[in-house]
Amino acid sequence: SNEFQKLRLRKCGLGVRLHGRIHISSPQNMSIGNNTHINDGAFLKTEGSLTIGDNCHISRNLLVYTINHRYEGDLLPYDHHMTQKPVHIGSNVWIGMNVIIIPGVEIGEGAIIGMGSVVTKTVPPLAIVGGNPAQTLKFRDKKKYDKLKFEKKFSGMSGFHVSTQKFRK
């Protein structure tokens, strides 16, 4: 069950929701912050470490890899060794449906990843990206973002305000 998976994570914040079928290959290498939601169909290869911040909303069918085959080894097309590169997803990130994130990517705080995007490089904070490979389309309004963050106005699953009081320990 997903509740059992949460117990196996390196760190699992308060108010975390894992909805539907979610595959986490190495839960001991994954950390999730408070009020983060991951929806059905996520496939997370976490041998190289995956960190997801607070208040993240992740739609269906996310694919994240933190490992890859070593193609410069002693066999073709690749050998049995794996290269590990951690993936870090900052706080307040919204990831749309059917997104792919490759090893070594960092997604900055407050970024939005459009549905169907293939994220192959670091995404700056507050960037709105889309496409294959994902390109920066524009940026969120920093002044408004900072104001909402200061006022602790974070949304729950369906976009309605959720009090962060319940996430304090």
N, C-alpha and C. Protein backbone atom coordinates (compact mmCIF):
# COMPACT_ATOMS: atom_id res chain seq x y z
N SER A 1 0.84 -1.19 0.00
CA SER A 1 0.00 0.00 0.00
C SER A 1 0.87 1.24 0.00
N ASN A 2 0.27 2.37 -0.37
CA ASN A 2 1.00 3.62 -0.40
C ASN A 2 1.37 4.12 0.99
N GLU A 3 0.56 3.79 1.99
CA GLU A 3 0.91 4.18 3.36
C GLU A 3 2.18 3.45 3.81
N PHE A 4 2.32 2.19 3.41
CA PHE A 4 3.53 1.44 3.72
C PHE A 4 4.72 2.04 2.98
N GLN A 5 4.52 2.44 1.72
CA GLN A 5 5.62 3.06 0.96
C GLN A 5 6.10 4.32 1.65
N LYS A 6 5.18 5.11 2.19
CA LYS A 6 5.58 6.34 2.88
C LYS A 6 6.47 6.04 4.08
N LEU A 7 6.21 4.94 4.77
CA LEU A 7 7.03 4.56 5.93
C LEU A 7 8.45 4.17 5.52
N ARG A 8 8.63 3.74 4.30
CA ARG A 8 9.92 3.26 3.82
C ARG A 8 10.80 4.37 3.25
N LEU A 9 10.23 5.58 3.07
CA LEU A 9 10.99 6.69 2.51
C LEU A 9 12.05 7.18 3.50
N ARG A 10 13.13 7.75 2.97
CA ARG A 10 14.16 8.33 3.83
C ARG A 10 13.54 9.43 4.69
N LYS A 11 12.67 10.26 4.08
CA LYS A 11 11.95 11.30 4.81
C LYS A 11 10.60 11.48 4.15
N CYS A 12 9.56 11.56 4.97
CA CYS A 12 8.22 11.80 4.46
C CYS A 12 7.56 12.84 5.36
N GLY A 13 7.25 13.99 4.79
CA GLY A 13 6.64 15.07 5.54
C GLY A 13 5.19 14.80 5.89
N LEU A 14 4.60 15.75 6.56
CA LEU A 14 3.20 15.66 6.96
C LEU A 14 2.29 16.05 5.79
N GLY A 15 1.14 15.42 5.72
CA GLY A 15 0.18 15.74 4.67
C GLY A 15 0.56 15.23 3.29
N VAL A 16 1.50 14.29 3.20
CA VAL A 16 1.91 13.72 1.92
C VAL A 16 0.83 12.74 1.45
N ARG A 17 0.47 12.82 0.18
CA ARG A 17 -0.51 11.90 -0.38
C ARG A 17 0.06 11.25 -1.63
N LEU A 18 0.04 9.93 -1.64
CA LEU A 18 0.43 9.14 -2.81
C LEU A 18 -0.85 8.49 -3.31
N HIS A 19 -1.29 8.86 -4.51
CA HIS A 19 -2.58 8.40 -5.03
C HIS A 19 -2.38 7.37 -6.13
N GLY A 20 -3.00 6.21 -6.00
CA GLY A 20 -2.99 5.21 -7.06
C GLY A 20 -1.71 4.40 -7.08
N ARG A 21 -1.42 3.85 -8.26
CA ARG A 21 -0.23 3.00 -8.44
C ARG A 21 1.01 3.87 -8.58
N ILE A 22 1.92 3.71 -7.65
CA ILE A 22 3.18 4.46 -7.68
C ILE A 22 4.32 3.49 -7.43
N HIS A 23 5.29 3.48 -8.35
CA HIS A 23 6.45 2.61 -8.20
C HIS A 23 7.63 3.47 -7.76
N ILE A 24 8.22 3.10 -6.61
CA ILE A 24 9.44 3.76 -6.10
C ILE A 24 10.47 2.66 -5.95
N SER A 25 11.51 2.67 -6.78
CA SER A 25 12.46 1.55 -6.83
C SER A 25 13.30 1.43 -5.56
N SER A 26 13.71 2.54 -4.98
CA SER A 26 14.54 2.53 -3.76
C SER A 26 14.02 3.60 -2.81
N PRO A 27 12.93 3.32 -2.09
CA PRO A 27 12.31 4.35 -1.24
C PRO A 27 13.27 4.94 -0.21
N GLN A 28 14.27 4.19 0.21
CA GLN A 28 15.23 4.69 1.19
C GLN A 28 16.08 5.83 0.63
N ASN A 29 16.02 6.05 -0.68
CA ASN A 29 16.77 7.12 -1.33
C ASN A 29 15.88 8.30 -1.75
N MET A 30 14.68 8.37 -1.17
CA MET A 30 13.72 9.40 -1.57
C MET A 30 13.23 10.17 -0.36
N SER A 31 13.16 11.49 -0.49
CA SER A 31 12.63 12.37 0.56
C SER A 31 11.53 13.23 -0.03
N ILE A 32 10.43 13.37 0.73
CA ILE A 32 9.31 14.21 0.31
C ILE A 32 8.97 15.16 1.45
N GLY A 33 8.77 16.44 1.12
CA GLY A 33 8.40 17.44 2.10
C GLY A 33 6.92 17.42 2.44
N ASN A 34 6.47 18.38 3.23
CA ASN A 34 5.08 18.49 3.67
C ASN A 34 4.14 18.85 2.53
N ASN A 35 2.88 18.41 2.65
CA ASN A 35 1.79 18.80 1.75
C ASN A 35 2.14 18.58 0.29
N THR A 36 2.78 17.47 -0.01
CA THR A 36 3.13 17.13 -1.39
C THR A 36 2.27 15.96 -1.84
N HIS A 37 1.80 16.03 -3.09
CA HIS A 37 0.88 15.02 -3.62
C HIS A 37 1.44 14.47 -4.93
N ILE A 38 1.49 13.15 -5.01
CA ILE A 38 1.94 12.47 -6.23
C ILE A 38 0.80 11.58 -6.70
N ASN A 39 0.41 11.73 -7.96
CA ASN A 39 -0.75 11.00 -8.46
C ASN A 39 -0.38 9.73 -9.21
N ASP A 40 -1.41 9.00 -9.60
CA ASP A 40 -1.35 7.67 -10.19
C ASP A 40 -0.36 7.57 -11.35
N GLY A 41 0.29 6.44 -11.43
CA GLY A 41 1.15 6.12 -12.56
C GLY A 41 2.58 6.62 -12.45
N ALA A 42 2.97 7.17 -11.31
CA ALA A 42 4.35 7.64 -11.16
C ALA A 42 5.30 6.45 -11.15
N PHE A 43 6.40 6.58 -11.88
CA PHE A 43 7.45 5.56 -11.91
C PHE A 43 8.75 6.27 -11.57
N LEU A 44 9.27 6.00 -10.37
CA LEU A 44 10.39 6.75 -9.82
C LEU A 44 11.58 5.82 -9.58
N LYS A 45 12.63 5.94 -10.41
CA LYS A 45 13.86 5.17 -10.26
C LYS A 45 14.78 6.01 -9.38
N THR A 46 14.85 5.66 -8.10
CA THR A 46 15.45 6.55 -7.10
C THR A 46 16.79 6.06 -6.55
N GLU A 47 17.44 5.13 -7.21
CA GLU A 47 18.73 4.64 -6.70
C GLU A 47 19.74 5.77 -6.53
N GLY A 48 19.68 6.80 -7.36
CA GLY A 48 20.61 7.92 -7.29
C GLY A 48 20.14 9.07 -6.42
N SER A 49 18.98 8.97 -5.77
CA SER A 49 18.43 9.94 -4.83
C SER A 49 17.46 10.91 -5.49
N LEU A 50 16.26 10.98 -4.92
CA LEU A 50 15.22 11.90 -5.36
C LEU A 50 14.73 12.67 -4.15
N THR A 51 14.75 14.00 -4.25
CA THR A 51 14.25 14.88 -3.19
C THR A 51 13.15 15.76 -3.78
N ILE A 52 12.00 15.79 -3.09
CA ILE A 52 10.88 16.63 -3.50
C ILE A 52 10.53 17.52 -2.30
N GLY A 53 10.42 18.81 -2.53
CA GLY A 53 10.18 19.77 -1.46
C GLY A 53 8.74 19.81 -0.97
N ASP A 54 8.42 20.85 -0.21
CA ASP A 54 7.08 21.07 0.35
C ASP A 54 6.12 21.58 -0.73
N ASN A 55 4.83 21.32 -0.53
CA ASN A 55 3.74 21.90 -1.31
C ASN A 55 3.86 21.65 -2.81
N CYS A 56 4.32 20.47 -3.18
CA CYS A 56 4.43 20.13 -4.60
C CYS A 56 3.19 19.35 -5.04
N HIS A 57 2.74 19.63 -6.25
CA HIS A 57 1.60 18.92 -6.82
C HIS A 57 2.06 18.28 -8.12
N ILE A 58 1.96 16.96 -8.16
CA ILE A 58 2.47 16.19 -9.28
C ILE A 58 1.32 15.39 -9.88
N SER A 59 1.06 15.63 -11.15
CA SER A 59 -0.04 14.97 -11.84
C SER A 59 0.32 13.53 -12.20
N ARG A 60 -0.55 12.91 -12.98
CA ARG A 60 -0.41 11.50 -13.34
C ARG A 60 0.79 11.23 -14.24
N ASN A 61 1.31 10.01 -14.09
CA ASN A 61 2.31 9.44 -15.01
C ASN A 61 3.65 10.17 -15.03
N LEU A 62 4.11 10.63 -13.88
CA LEU A 62 5.45 11.20 -13.80
C LEU A 62 6.48 10.08 -13.94
N LEU A 63 7.53 10.32 -14.71
CA LEU A 63 8.64 9.38 -14.85
C LEU A 63 9.92 10.11 -14.47
N VAL A 64 10.58 9.63 -13.41
CA VAL A 64 11.85 10.22 -12.97
C VAL A 64 12.89 9.12 -12.91
N TYR A 65 14.04 9.37 -13.51
CA TYR A 65 15.18 8.47 -13.42
C TYR A 65 16.33 9.20 -12.75
N THR A 66 16.97 8.55 -11.79
CA THR A 66 18.16 9.10 -11.13
C THR A 66 19.38 8.24 -11.44
N ILE A 67 19.21 7.26 -12.33
CA ILE A 67 20.30 6.38 -12.74
C ILE A 67 20.23 6.18 -14.25
N ASN A 68 21.35 5.75 -14.81
CA ASN A 68 21.39 5.42 -16.23
C ASN A 68 22.50 4.40 -16.47
N HIS A 69 22.41 3.70 -17.59
CA HIS A 69 23.46 2.76 -17.97
C HIS A 69 24.74 3.51 -18.33
N ARG A 70 25.87 2.86 -18.12
CA ARG A 70 27.16 3.45 -18.48
C ARG A 70 27.50 3.03 -19.91
N TYR A 71 27.37 3.96 -20.83
CA TYR A 71 27.62 3.65 -22.24
C TYR A 71 29.10 3.76 -22.61
N GLU A 72 29.93 4.31 -21.72
CA GLU A 72 31.36 4.43 -22.00
C GLU A 72 32.17 3.34 -21.29
N GLY A 73 31.50 2.25 -20.96
CA GLY A 73 32.15 1.14 -20.28
C GLY A 73 32.82 0.18 -21.25
N ASP A 74 32.87 -1.09 -20.86
CA ASP A 74 33.62 -2.10 -21.60
C ASP A 74 32.77 -2.93 -22.56
N LEU A 75 31.49 -2.65 -22.67
CA LEU A 75 30.61 -3.39 -23.56
C LEU A 75 29.75 -2.43 -24.37
N LEU A 76 29.25 -2.90 -25.50
CA LEU A 76 28.35 -2.12 -26.33
C LEU A 76 26.96 -2.74 -26.29
N PRO A 77 25.87 -2.01 -26.26
CA PRO A 77 25.84 -0.54 -26.26
C PRO A 77 26.14 0.06 -24.89
N TYR A 78 26.09 -0.74 -23.83
CA TYR A 78 26.45 -0.27 -22.49
C TYR A 78 26.78 -1.49 -21.64
N ASP A 79 27.45 -1.25 -20.49
CA ASP A 79 27.78 -2.38 -19.61
C ASP A 79 26.86 -2.40 -18.40
N HIS A 80 27.17 -3.28 -17.45
CA HIS A 80 26.29 -3.50 -16.30
C HIS A 80 26.41 -2.42 -15.21
N HIS A 81 27.37 -1.54 -15.31
CA HIS A 81 27.52 -0.47 -14.31
C HIS A 81 26.48 0.62 -14.55
N MET A 82 26.05 1.24 -13.47
CA MET A 82 25.07 2.32 -13.56
C MET A 82 25.70 3.62 -13.06
N THR A 83 25.35 4.72 -13.69
CA THR A 83 25.76 6.04 -13.20
C THR A 83 24.57 6.61 -12.43
N GLN A 84 24.86 7.22 -11.30
CA GLN A 84 23.82 7.80 -10.45
C GLN A 84 23.95 9.31 -10.44
N LYS A 85 22.81 9.99 -10.65
CA LYS A 85 22.77 11.45 -10.60
C LYS A 85 21.47 11.83 -9.91
N PRO A 86 21.56 12.49 -8.76
CA PRO A 86 20.35 12.83 -8.01
C PRO A 86 19.46 13.83 -8.76
N VAL A 87 18.17 13.76 -8.46
CA VAL A 87 17.19 14.71 -8.97
C VAL A 87 16.63 15.45 -7.76
N HIS A 88 16.55 16.77 -7.87
CA HIS A 88 16.00 17.60 -6.79
C HIS A 88 14.87 18.44 -7.34
N ILE A 89 13.70 18.34 -6.71
CA ILE A 89 12.53 19.14 -7.07
C ILE A 89 12.25 20.06 -5.89
N GLY A 90 12.34 21.36 -6.11
CA GLY A 90 12.19 22.34 -5.04
C GLY A 90 10.75 22.43 -4.53
N SER A 91 10.53 23.26 -3.54
CA SER A 91 9.21 23.45 -2.95
C SER A 91 8.30 24.24 -3.89
N ASN A 92 7.00 24.04 -3.72
CA ASN A 92 5.96 24.78 -4.43
C ASN A 92 6.02 24.57 -5.95
N VAL A 93 6.42 23.37 -6.37
CA VAL A 93 6.52 23.04 -7.79
C VAL A 93 5.25 22.32 -8.22
N TRP A 94 4.79 22.65 -9.42
CA TRP A 94 3.63 21.99 -10.02
C TRP A 94 4.12 21.28 -11.28
N ILE A 95 3.92 19.95 -11.31
CA ILE A 95 4.34 19.14 -12.45
C ILE A 95 3.10 18.56 -13.11
N GLY A 96 2.91 18.86 -14.39
CA GLY A 96 1.75 18.40 -15.14
C GLY A 96 1.83 16.92 -15.50
N MET A 97 0.82 16.44 -16.19
CA MET A 97 0.68 15.04 -16.57
C MET A 97 1.73 14.62 -17.61
N ASN A 98 2.19 13.37 -17.49
CA ASN A 98 3.07 12.74 -18.48
C ASN A 98 4.41 13.45 -18.63
N VAL A 99 5.01 13.86 -17.53
CA VAL A 99 6.31 14.53 -17.55
C VAL A 99 7.41 13.50 -17.32
N ILE A 100 8.54 13.68 -18.02
CA ILE A 100 9.73 12.85 -17.86
C ILE A 100 10.85 13.76 -17.36
N ILE A 101 11.56 13.30 -16.31
CA ILE A 101 12.70 14.04 -15.76
C ILE A 101 13.90 13.09 -15.78
N ILE A 102 14.99 13.53 -16.42
CA ILE A 102 16.16 12.67 -16.56
C ILE A 102 17.12 12.86 -15.38
N PRO A 103 18.10 11.93 -15.22
CA PRO A 103 19.04 12.01 -14.10
C PRO A 103 19.80 13.33 -14.06
N GLY A 104 20.01 13.83 -12.84
CA GLY A 104 20.83 15.01 -12.60
C GLY A 104 20.11 16.34 -12.69
N VAL A 105 18.82 16.33 -12.96
CA VAL A 105 18.06 17.57 -13.13
C VAL A 105 17.71 18.17 -11.77
N GLU A 106 17.74 19.50 -11.70
CA GLU A 106 17.24 20.22 -10.53
C GLU A 106 16.13 21.14 -11.01
N ILE A 107 14.99 21.08 -10.33
CA ILE A 107 13.85 21.94 -10.65
C ILE A 107 13.73 22.95 -9.53
N GLY A 108 13.87 24.21 -9.86
CA GLY A 108 13.90 25.28 -8.87
C GLY A 108 12.55 25.52 -8.20
N GLU A 109 12.62 26.15 -7.05
CA GLU A 109 11.43 26.47 -6.26
C GLU A 109 10.41 27.24 -7.10
N GLY A 110 9.15 26.85 -6.95
CA GLY A 110 8.05 27.56 -7.58
C GLY A 110 7.91 27.34 -9.08
N ALA A 111 8.68 26.45 -9.66
CA ALA A 111 8.60 26.20 -11.10
C ALA A 111 7.33 25.46 -11.46
N ILE A 112 6.93 25.58 -12.71
CA ILE A 112 5.79 24.84 -13.25
C ILE A 112 6.29 24.09 -14.48
N ILE A 113 6.04 22.78 -14.50
CA ILE A 113 6.45 21.94 -15.63
C ILE A 113 5.19 21.54 -16.39
N GLY A 114 5.06 22.00 -17.62
CA GLY A 114 3.87 21.74 -18.42
C GLY A 114 3.73 20.28 -18.80
N MET A 115 2.48 19.85 -18.99
CA MET A 115 2.21 18.45 -19.30
C MET A 115 2.95 18.01 -20.56
N GLY A 116 3.43 16.76 -20.51
CA GLY A 116 4.13 16.17 -21.64
C GLY A 116 5.56 16.62 -21.81
N SER A 117 6.08 17.41 -20.89
CA SER A 117 7.45 17.92 -21.01
C SER A 117 8.48 16.84 -20.72
N VAL A 118 9.62 16.97 -21.37
CA VAL A 118 10.78 16.13 -21.09
C VAL A 118 11.85 17.07 -20.56
N VAL A 119 12.14 16.95 -19.26
CA VAL A 119 13.05 17.88 -18.58
C VAL A 119 14.46 17.28 -18.62
N THR A 120 15.34 17.92 -19.40
CA THR A 120 16.69 17.41 -19.62
C THR A 120 17.78 18.27 -18.99
N LYS A 121 17.37 19.42 -18.43
CA LYS A 121 18.36 20.31 -17.81
C LYS A 121 17.71 21.05 -16.66
N THR A 122 18.52 21.71 -15.86
CA THR A 122 18.05 22.42 -14.68
C THR A 122 17.01 23.48 -15.06
N VAL A 123 15.96 23.55 -14.23
CA VAL A 123 14.88 24.52 -14.42
C VAL A 123 15.05 25.60 -13.34
N PRO A 124 15.16 26.88 -13.74
CA PRO A 124 15.35 27.94 -12.74
C PRO A 124 14.12 28.12 -11.85
N PRO A 125 14.30 28.69 -10.66
CA PRO A 125 13.16 29.00 -9.81
C PRO A 125 12.14 29.86 -10.55
N LEU A 126 10.86 29.59 -10.30
CA LEU A 126 9.72 30.34 -10.83
C LEU A 126 9.53 30.22 -12.34
N ALA A 127 10.34 29.38 -13.02
CA ALA A 127 10.20 29.22 -14.47
C ALA A 127 8.97 28.38 -14.79
N ILE A 128 8.35 28.68 -15.91
CA ILE A 128 7.27 27.88 -16.46
C ILE A 128 7.83 27.29 -17.75
N VAL A 129 7.96 25.95 -17.77
CA VAL A 129 8.61 25.29 -18.90
C VAL A 129 7.65 24.31 -19.57
N GLY A 130 7.95 24.01 -20.83
CA GLY A 130 7.15 23.04 -21.56
C GLY A 130 7.89 22.56 -22.79
N GLY A 131 7.48 21.39 -23.30
CA GLY A 131 8.01 20.87 -24.55
C GLY A 131 9.00 19.75 -24.37
N ASN A 132 9.55 19.31 -25.52
CA ASN A 132 10.53 18.24 -25.56
C ASN A 132 11.65 18.63 -26.52
N PRO A 133 12.82 19.01 -25.98
CA PRO A 133 13.12 19.15 -24.54
C PRO A 133 12.44 20.39 -23.98
N ALA A 134 12.20 20.36 -22.68
CA ALA A 134 11.50 21.47 -22.02
C ALA A 134 12.29 22.76 -22.17
N GLN A 135 11.57 23.81 -22.54
CA GLN A 135 12.15 25.15 -22.71
C GLN A 135 11.40 26.12 -21.80
N THR A 136 12.09 27.15 -21.34
CA THR A 136 11.44 28.16 -20.52
C THR A 136 10.50 28.98 -21.40
N LEU A 137 9.23 29.03 -20.99
CA LEU A 137 8.22 29.78 -21.73
C LEU A 137 8.06 31.18 -21.14
N LYS A 138 8.09 31.26 -19.82
CA LYS A 138 8.02 32.54 -19.10
C LYS A 138 8.31 32.27 -17.63
N PHE A 139 8.18 33.29 -16.79
CA PHE A 139 8.41 33.15 -15.36
C PHE A 139 7.18 33.62 -14.59
N ARG A 140 6.99 33.01 -13.41
CA ARG A 140 5.93 33.47 -12.52
C ARG A 140 6.27 34.87 -12.02
N ASP A 141 5.27 35.59 -11.57
CA ASP A 141 5.46 36.93 -11.00
C ASP A 141 6.10 36.78 -9.62
N LYS A 142 7.39 37.15 -9.51
CA LYS A 142 8.15 36.94 -8.27
C LYS A 142 7.54 37.70 -7.09
N LYS A 143 7.10 38.91 -7.31
CA LYS A 143 6.52 39.70 -6.21
C LYS A 143 5.28 39.01 -5.65
N LYS A 144 4.40 38.55 -6.53
CA LYS A 144 3.18 37.86 -6.08
C LYS A 144 3.53 36.53 -5.42
N TYR A 145 4.47 35.78 -6.02
CA TYR A 145 4.91 34.50 -5.46
C TYR A 145 5.43 34.71 -4.03
N ASP A 146 6.32 35.69 -3.86
CA ASP A 146 6.91 35.95 -2.54
C ASP A 146 5.85 36.35 -1.52
N LYS A 147 4.86 37.13 -1.95
CA LYS A 147 3.78 37.55 -1.05
C LYS A 147 2.95 36.34 -0.59
N LEU A 148 2.57 35.48 -1.54
CA LEU A 148 1.79 34.29 -1.19
C LEU A 148 2.59 33.35 -0.28
N LYS A 149 3.87 33.23 -0.55
CA LYS A 149 4.73 32.37 0.28
C LYS A 149 4.84 32.94 1.69
N PHE A 150 5.05 34.26 1.81
CA PHE A 150 5.15 34.91 3.12
C PHE A 150 3.86 34.73 3.91
N GLU A 151 2.72 34.84 3.22
CA GLU A 151 1.41 34.69 3.88
C GLU A 151 1.02 33.23 4.09
N LYS A 152 1.90 32.30 3.69
CA LYS A 152 1.68 30.86 3.84
C LYS A 152 0.36 30.43 3.18
N LYS A 153 0.14 30.91 1.99
CA LYS A 153 -1.06 30.55 1.23
C LYS A 153 -0.69 29.43 0.26
N PHE A 154 -0.86 28.19 0.74
CA PHE A 154 -0.53 27.01 -0.05
C PHE A 154 -1.80 26.23 -0.33
N SER A 155 -1.84 25.56 -1.48
CA SER A 155 -3.04 24.81 -1.83
C SER A 155 -2.89 23.33 -1.48
N GLY A 156 -4.05 22.71 -1.29
CA GLY A 156 -4.12 21.27 -1.11
C GLY A 156 -4.37 20.60 -2.45
N MET A 157 -4.86 19.37 -2.42
CA MET A 157 -5.02 18.55 -3.61
C MET A 157 -5.78 19.22 -4.74
N SER A 158 -6.88 19.85 -4.47
CA SER A 158 -7.72 20.38 -5.54
C SER A 158 -7.54 21.88 -5.75
N GLY A 159 -6.48 22.44 -5.21
CA GLY A 159 -6.20 23.85 -5.40
C GLY A 159 -6.81 24.76 -4.35
N PHE A 160 -7.51 24.20 -3.36
CA PHE A 160 -8.08 25.02 -2.30
C PHE A 160 -7.04 25.25 -1.22
N HIS A 161 -7.17 26.37 -0.52
CA HIS A 161 -6.23 26.73 0.53
C HIS A 161 -6.18 25.66 1.62
N VAL A 162 -4.97 25.36 2.07
CA VAL A 162 -4.79 24.43 3.17
C VAL A 162 -3.95 25.13 4.24
N SER A 163 -4.35 24.99 5.48
CA SER A 163 -3.61 25.62 6.57
C SER A 163 -2.32 24.85 6.83
N THR A 164 -1.20 25.59 6.90
CA THR A 164 0.08 24.93 7.19
C THR A 164 0.22 24.62 8.68
N GLN A 165 -0.75 25.07 9.51
CA GLN A 165 -0.69 24.78 10.94
C GLN A 165 -0.63 23.28 11.18
N LYS A 166 -1.37 22.50 10.39
CA LYS A 166 -1.42 21.06 10.61
C LYS A 166 -0.13 20.37 10.19
N PHE A 167 0.79 21.07 9.52
CA PHE A 167 2.04 20.47 9.10
C PHE A 167 3.18 20.78 10.06
N ARG A 168 2.90 21.49 11.12
CA ARG A 168 3.96 21.79 12.11
C ARG A 168 4.08 20.63 13.08
N LYS A 169 5.31 20.38 13.48
CA LYS A 169 5.55 19.29 14.42
C LYS A 169 5.65 19.79 15.83
